[in-house]
Amino acid sequence: MTWELGQERDRWRLLEYEWRLEKLFRTSPQLSGICQYHADTLPRDLMRQGLLGHQSIFVSKTLSLLNPHYVLPEAFTLGAAEDVELDFAVSRFCRQGQLSPPVSS
């Protein structure tokens, strides 16, 4: 997912990108997708943003969850990105090897 950062390496561009994907899939129900975040290569702050930017989390082939950390773009604050519960969730997913929030409504 690091390519979305652009040449400026602006980490907030990734969150904007994720929100735009969410909006696209919400307004075009015939489309769906899964964004994968690999814990071994992606910085934790970008994994945090992945959780903030998706409504649901694909944990495994048989388990997906509503994401309690999802934040609507218009409700986002920097405090949301620094939430202790969000860090705990990222740590839990890092132990499992990857975080894969689906992009779907």
N, C-alpha and C. Protein backbone atom coordinates (compact mmCIF):
# COMPACT_ATOMS: atom_id res chain seq x y z
N MET A 1 0.80 -1.20 0.00
CA MET A 1 0.00 0.00 0.00
C MET A 1 0.85 1.27 0.00
N THR A 2 2.15 1.16 0.08
CA THR A 2 2.98 2.35 0.19
C THR A 2 2.96 3.21 -1.07
N TRP A 3 2.58 2.65 -2.22
CA TRP A 3 2.59 3.44 -3.45
C TRP A 3 1.58 4.58 -3.40
N GLU A 4 0.52 4.46 -2.61
CA GLU A 4 -0.48 5.53 -2.53
C GLU A 4 0.04 6.78 -1.85
N LEU A 5 1.17 6.68 -1.17
CA LEU A 5 1.71 7.84 -0.46
C LEU A 5 2.20 8.92 -1.41
N GLY A 6 2.52 8.56 -2.63
CA GLY A 6 3.02 9.52 -3.60
C GLY A 6 4.47 9.86 -3.35
N GLN A 7 5.03 10.66 -4.21
CA GLN A 7 6.43 11.03 -4.10
C GLN A 7 6.72 11.86 -2.86
N GLU A 8 5.72 12.57 -2.36
CA GLU A 8 5.92 13.40 -1.18
C GLU A 8 5.97 12.57 0.09
N ARG A 9 5.58 11.28 0.00
CA ARG A 9 5.54 10.36 1.14
C ARG A 9 4.60 10.88 2.24
N ASP A 10 3.51 11.51 1.83
CA ASP A 10 2.52 12.05 2.76
C ASP A 10 1.64 10.92 3.27
N ARG A 11 1.82 10.54 4.54
CA ARG A 11 1.11 9.39 5.09
C ARG A 11 -0.40 9.60 5.17
N TRP A 12 -0.87 10.85 5.19
CA TRP A 12 -2.31 11.09 5.26
C TRP A 12 -2.99 10.86 3.92
N ARG A 13 -2.21 10.84 2.84
CA ARG A 13 -2.81 10.55 1.52
C ARG A 13 -3.38 9.15 1.48
N LEU A 14 -2.77 8.21 2.20
CA LEU A 14 -3.29 6.84 2.23
C LEU A 14 -4.69 6.81 2.84
N LEU A 15 -4.89 7.52 3.93
CA LEU A 15 -6.22 7.54 4.56
C LEU A 15 -7.25 8.18 3.62
N GLU A 16 -6.88 9.24 2.95
CA GLU A 16 -7.78 9.85 1.97
C GLU A 16 -8.14 8.85 0.87
N TYR A 17 -7.15 8.12 0.41
CA TYR A 17 -7.36 7.10 -0.62
C TYR A 17 -8.34 6.03 -0.12
N GLU A 18 -8.16 5.57 1.11
CA GLU A 18 -9.03 4.53 1.68
C GLU A 18 -10.47 5.05 1.78
N TRP A 19 -10.64 6.28 2.24
CA TRP A 19 -11.99 6.84 2.33
C TRP A 19 -12.64 6.94 0.96
N ARG A 20 -11.86 7.31 -0.04
CA ARG A 20 -12.42 7.39 -1.40
C ARG A 20 -12.84 6.02 -1.91
N LEU A 21 -12.04 4.99 -1.60
CA LEU A 21 -12.43 3.63 -1.97
C LEU A 21 -13.73 3.23 -1.28
N GLU A 22 -13.83 3.52 0.01
CA GLU A 22 -15.07 3.21 0.75
C GLU A 22 -16.27 3.88 0.08
N LYS A 23 -16.11 5.13 -0.29
CA LYS A 23 -17.21 5.86 -0.93
C LYS A 23 -17.55 5.24 -2.29
N LEU A 24 -16.54 4.89 -3.06
CA LEU A 24 -16.77 4.26 -4.37
C LEU A 24 -17.55 2.96 -4.22
N PHE A 25 -17.14 2.12 -3.28
CA PHE A 25 -17.82 0.84 -3.12
C PHE A 25 -19.20 0.99 -2.51
N ARG A 26 -19.41 2.01 -1.70
CA ARG A 26 -20.74 2.26 -1.13
C ARG A 26 -21.70 2.73 -2.21
N THR A 27 -21.20 3.54 -3.15
CA THR A 27 -22.07 4.09 -4.20
C THR A 27 -22.16 3.18 -5.42
N SER A 28 -21.31 2.17 -5.49
CA SER A 28 -21.31 1.21 -6.61
C SER A 28 -21.34 -0.21 -6.04
N PRO A 29 -22.50 -0.68 -5.58
CA PRO A 29 -22.57 -1.97 -4.89
C PRO A 29 -22.15 -3.17 -5.74
N GLN A 30 -22.07 -2.99 -7.05
CA GLN A 30 -21.63 -4.09 -7.90
C GLN A 30 -20.12 -4.31 -7.79
N LEU A 31 -19.42 -3.38 -7.17
CA LEU A 31 -17.97 -3.49 -6.97
C LEU A 31 -17.65 -3.89 -5.53
N SER A 32 -16.55 -4.58 -5.35
CA SER A 32 -16.05 -4.87 -4.01
C SER A 32 -14.55 -5.10 -4.11
N GLY A 33 -13.89 -5.12 -2.97
CA GLY A 33 -12.45 -5.34 -2.96
C GLY A 33 -11.94 -5.54 -1.55
N ILE A 34 -10.70 -5.96 -1.45
CA ILE A 34 -10.06 -6.14 -0.16
C ILE A 34 -8.69 -5.46 -0.21
N CYS A 35 -8.44 -4.61 0.76
CA CYS A 35 -7.12 -3.99 0.91
C CYS A 35 -6.35 -4.81 1.94
N GLN A 36 -5.18 -5.25 1.57
CA GLN A 36 -4.36 -6.03 2.50
C GLN A 36 -3.23 -5.18 3.04
N TYR A 37 -3.02 -5.27 4.34
CA TYR A 37 -1.95 -4.55 5.01
C TYR A 37 -1.03 -5.60 5.62
N HIS A 38 0.17 -5.67 5.13
CA HIS A 38 1.11 -6.66 5.62
C HIS A 38 1.94 -6.10 6.76
N ALA A 39 1.79 -6.69 7.92
CA ALA A 39 2.42 -6.19 9.14
C ALA A 39 3.94 -6.21 9.06
N ASP A 40 4.51 -7.07 8.25
CA ASP A 40 5.97 -7.15 8.19
C ASP A 40 6.60 -6.08 7.32
N THR A 41 5.82 -5.35 6.51
CA THR A 41 6.40 -4.33 5.64
C THR A 41 5.79 -2.95 5.81
N LEU A 42 4.61 -2.84 6.35
CA LEU A 42 3.93 -1.54 6.43
C LEU A 42 4.12 -0.93 7.82
N PRO A 43 4.51 0.34 7.88
CA PRO A 43 4.65 1.00 9.19
C PRO A 43 3.32 0.99 9.95
N ARG A 44 3.43 0.89 11.27
CA ARG A 44 2.24 0.79 12.13
C ARG A 44 1.31 1.99 11.99
N ASP A 45 1.84 3.19 11.76
CA ASP A 45 0.94 4.34 11.62
C ASP A 45 0.07 4.20 10.38
N LEU A 46 0.57 3.57 9.34
CA LEU A 46 -0.25 3.34 8.15
C LEU A 46 -1.27 2.24 8.40
N MET A 47 -0.92 1.27 9.22
CA MET A 47 -1.89 0.24 9.59
C MET A 47 -3.01 0.86 10.43
N ARG A 48 -2.66 1.80 11.30
CA ARG A 48 -3.68 2.51 12.08
C ARG A 48 -4.66 3.21 11.14
N GLN A 49 -4.11 3.85 10.13
CA GLN A 49 -4.96 4.57 9.18
C GLN A 49 -5.84 3.60 8.39
N GLY A 50 -5.32 2.42 8.10
CA GLY A 50 -6.15 1.42 7.43
C GLY A 50 -7.37 1.05 8.26
N LEU A 51 -7.18 0.95 9.56
CA LEU A 51 -8.33 0.67 10.43
C LEU A 51 -9.30 1.84 10.48
N LEU A 52 -8.77 3.05 10.49
CA LEU A 52 -9.65 4.22 10.53
C LEU A 52 -10.46 4.36 9.24
N GLY A 53 -9.92 3.88 8.13
CA GLY A 53 -10.53 4.13 6.84
C GLY A 53 -11.48 3.08 6.29
N HIS A 54 -11.69 1.98 7.02
CA HIS A 54 -12.56 0.91 6.50
C HIS A 54 -13.62 0.51 7.50
N GLN A 55 -14.82 0.26 6.99
CA GLN A 55 -15.96 -0.06 7.83
C GLN A 55 -15.94 -1.48 8.39
N SER A 56 -15.25 -2.38 7.72
CA SER A 56 -15.22 -3.77 8.18
C SER A 56 -13.81 -4.34 8.05
N ILE A 57 -13.58 -5.44 8.78
CA ILE A 57 -12.26 -6.06 8.82
C ILE A 57 -12.41 -7.53 8.44
N PHE A 58 -11.65 -7.95 7.46
CA PHE A 58 -11.60 -9.34 7.06
C PHE A 58 -10.46 -9.98 7.83
N VAL A 59 -10.78 -10.84 8.79
CA VAL A 59 -9.78 -11.44 9.66
C VAL A 59 -9.25 -12.74 9.06
N SER A 60 -10.14 -13.55 8.51
CA SER A 60 -9.76 -14.83 7.90
C SER A 60 -10.83 -15.22 6.89
N LYS A 61 -10.66 -16.40 6.29
CA LYS A 61 -11.63 -16.86 5.30
C LYS A 61 -13.03 -16.98 5.87
N THR A 62 -13.13 -17.19 7.17
CA THR A 62 -14.44 -17.43 7.78
C THR A 62 -14.87 -16.33 8.76
N LEU A 63 -14.05 -15.30 8.94
CA LEU A 63 -14.39 -14.28 9.93
C LEU A 63 -14.15 -12.87 9.40
N SER A 64 -15.22 -12.08 9.38
CA SER A 64 -15.09 -10.64 9.13
C SER A 64 -15.92 -9.92 10.19
N LEU A 65 -15.48 -8.73 10.53
CA LEU A 65 -16.08 -7.99 11.64
C LEU A 65 -16.39 -6.56 11.23
N LEU A 66 -17.39 -5.98 11.86
CA LEU A 66 -17.58 -4.54 11.74
C LEU A 66 -16.42 -3.89 12.49
N ASN A 67 -15.88 -2.85 11.92
CA ASN A 67 -14.71 -2.19 12.48
C ASN A 67 -15.12 -1.09 13.45
N PRO A 68 -14.89 -1.27 14.75
CA PRO A 68 -15.27 -0.23 15.72
C PRO A 68 -14.39 1.01 15.65
N HIS A 69 -13.30 0.95 14.90
CA HIS A 69 -12.38 2.08 14.80
C HIS A 69 -12.61 2.94 13.56
N TYR A 70 -13.55 2.52 12.71
CA TYR A 70 -13.84 3.27 11.49
C TYR A 70 -14.30 4.69 11.84
N VAL A 71 -13.77 5.66 11.10
CA VAL A 71 -14.13 7.06 11.31
C VAL A 71 -14.53 7.65 9.96
N LEU A 72 -15.69 8.26 9.91
CA LEU A 72 -16.10 8.97 8.71
C LEU A 72 -15.13 10.12 8.45
N PRO A 73 -14.85 10.42 7.19
CA PRO A 73 -13.90 11.50 6.88
C PRO A 73 -14.27 12.82 7.56
N GLU A 74 -15.55 13.14 7.58
CA GLU A 74 -15.96 14.43 8.15
C GLU A 74 -15.89 14.44 9.68
N ALA A 75 -15.75 13.27 10.31
CA ALA A 75 -15.64 13.21 11.77
C ALA A 75 -14.21 12.98 12.24
N PHE A 76 -13.27 12.89 11.32
CA PHE A 76 -11.88 12.58 11.67
C PHE A 76 -11.20 13.72 12.42
N THR A 77 -10.44 13.34 13.45
CA THR A 77 -9.56 14.26 14.15
C THR A 77 -8.22 13.55 14.34
N LEU A 78 -7.17 14.30 14.59
CA LEU A 78 -5.87 13.67 14.84
C LEU A 78 -5.91 12.78 16.07
N GLY A 79 -6.77 13.11 17.02
CA GLY A 79 -6.92 12.28 18.22
C GLY A 79 -7.40 10.88 17.89
N ALA A 80 -8.23 10.75 16.85
CA ALA A 80 -8.70 9.42 16.44
C ALA A 80 -7.55 8.55 15.99
N ALA A 81 -6.55 9.13 15.36
CA ALA A 81 -5.41 8.37 14.87
C ALA A 81 -4.45 7.99 15.99
N GLU A 82 -4.61 8.57 17.17
CA GLU A 82 -3.70 8.30 18.28
C GLU A 82 -4.39 7.57 19.42
N ASP A 83 -5.54 6.98 19.17
CA ASP A 83 -6.33 6.27 20.16
C ASP A 83 -5.60 5.02 20.66
N VAL A 84 -5.58 4.82 21.97
CA VAL A 84 -4.92 3.66 22.57
C VAL A 84 -5.58 2.36 22.11
N GLU A 85 -6.89 2.34 22.00
CA GLU A 85 -7.61 1.14 21.54
C GLU A 85 -7.22 0.79 20.11
N LEU A 86 -6.99 1.80 19.31
CA LEU A 86 -6.56 1.59 17.93
C LEU A 86 -5.17 0.94 17.92
N ASP A 87 -4.27 1.42 18.77
CA ASP A 87 -2.95 0.80 18.88
C ASP A 87 -3.04 -0.65 19.32
N PHE A 88 -3.93 -0.94 20.26
CA PHE A 88 -4.12 -2.31 20.73
C PHE A 88 -4.59 -3.21 19.58
N ALA A 89 -5.54 -2.71 18.78
CA ALA A 89 -6.05 -3.49 17.64
C ALA A 89 -4.94 -3.75 16.63
N VAL A 90 -4.14 -2.75 16.33
CA VAL A 90 -3.03 -2.92 15.38
C VAL A 90 -2.05 -3.95 15.91
N SER A 91 -1.73 -3.89 17.19
CA SER A 91 -0.81 -4.86 17.79
C SER A 91 -1.36 -6.27 17.69
N ARG A 92 -2.65 -6.42 17.93
CA ARG A 92 -3.28 -7.74 17.83
C ARG A 92 -3.18 -8.28 16.41
N PHE A 93 -3.45 -7.43 15.43
CA PHE A 93 -3.37 -7.88 14.04
C PHE A 93 -1.93 -8.15 13.61
N CYS A 94 -0.99 -7.38 14.14
CA CYS A 94 0.42 -7.61 13.80
C CYS A 94 0.86 -8.99 14.28
N ARG A 95 0.37 -9.42 15.41
CA ARG A 95 0.71 -10.76 15.90
C ARG A 95 0.15 -11.83 14.97
N GLN A 96 -0.97 -11.54 14.31
CA GLN A 96 -1.58 -12.50 13.40
C GLN A 96 -0.92 -12.48 12.03
N GLY A 97 -0.11 -11.48 11.75
CA GLY A 97 0.64 -11.44 10.50
C GLY A 97 0.16 -10.45 9.47
N GLN A 98 -1.12 -10.13 9.42
CA GLN A 98 -1.59 -9.14 8.47
C GLN A 98 -2.95 -8.61 8.87
N LEU A 99 -3.26 -7.47 8.37
CA LEU A 99 -4.54 -6.82 8.60
C LEU A 99 -5.17 -6.59 7.25
N SER A 100 -6.38 -7.06 7.05
CA SER A 100 -7.02 -6.95 5.75
C SER A 100 -8.42 -6.36 5.88
N PRO A 101 -8.55 -5.02 5.90
CA PRO A 101 -9.89 -4.45 5.94
C PRO A 101 -10.53 -4.49 4.56
N PRO A 102 -11.69 -5.13 4.41
CA PRO A 102 -12.37 -5.10 3.13
C PRO A 102 -12.88 -3.71 2.82
N VAL A 103 -12.90 -3.39 1.56
CA VAL A 103 -13.47 -2.13 1.12
C VAL A 103 -14.87 -2.45 0.64
N SER A 104 -15.82 -2.39 1.56
CA SER A 104 -17.21 -2.63 1.18
C SER A 104 -18.10 -1.99 2.21
N SER A 105 -19.34 -1.78 1.84
CA SER A 105 -20.26 -1.13 2.77
C SER A 105 -20.96 -2.15 3.62
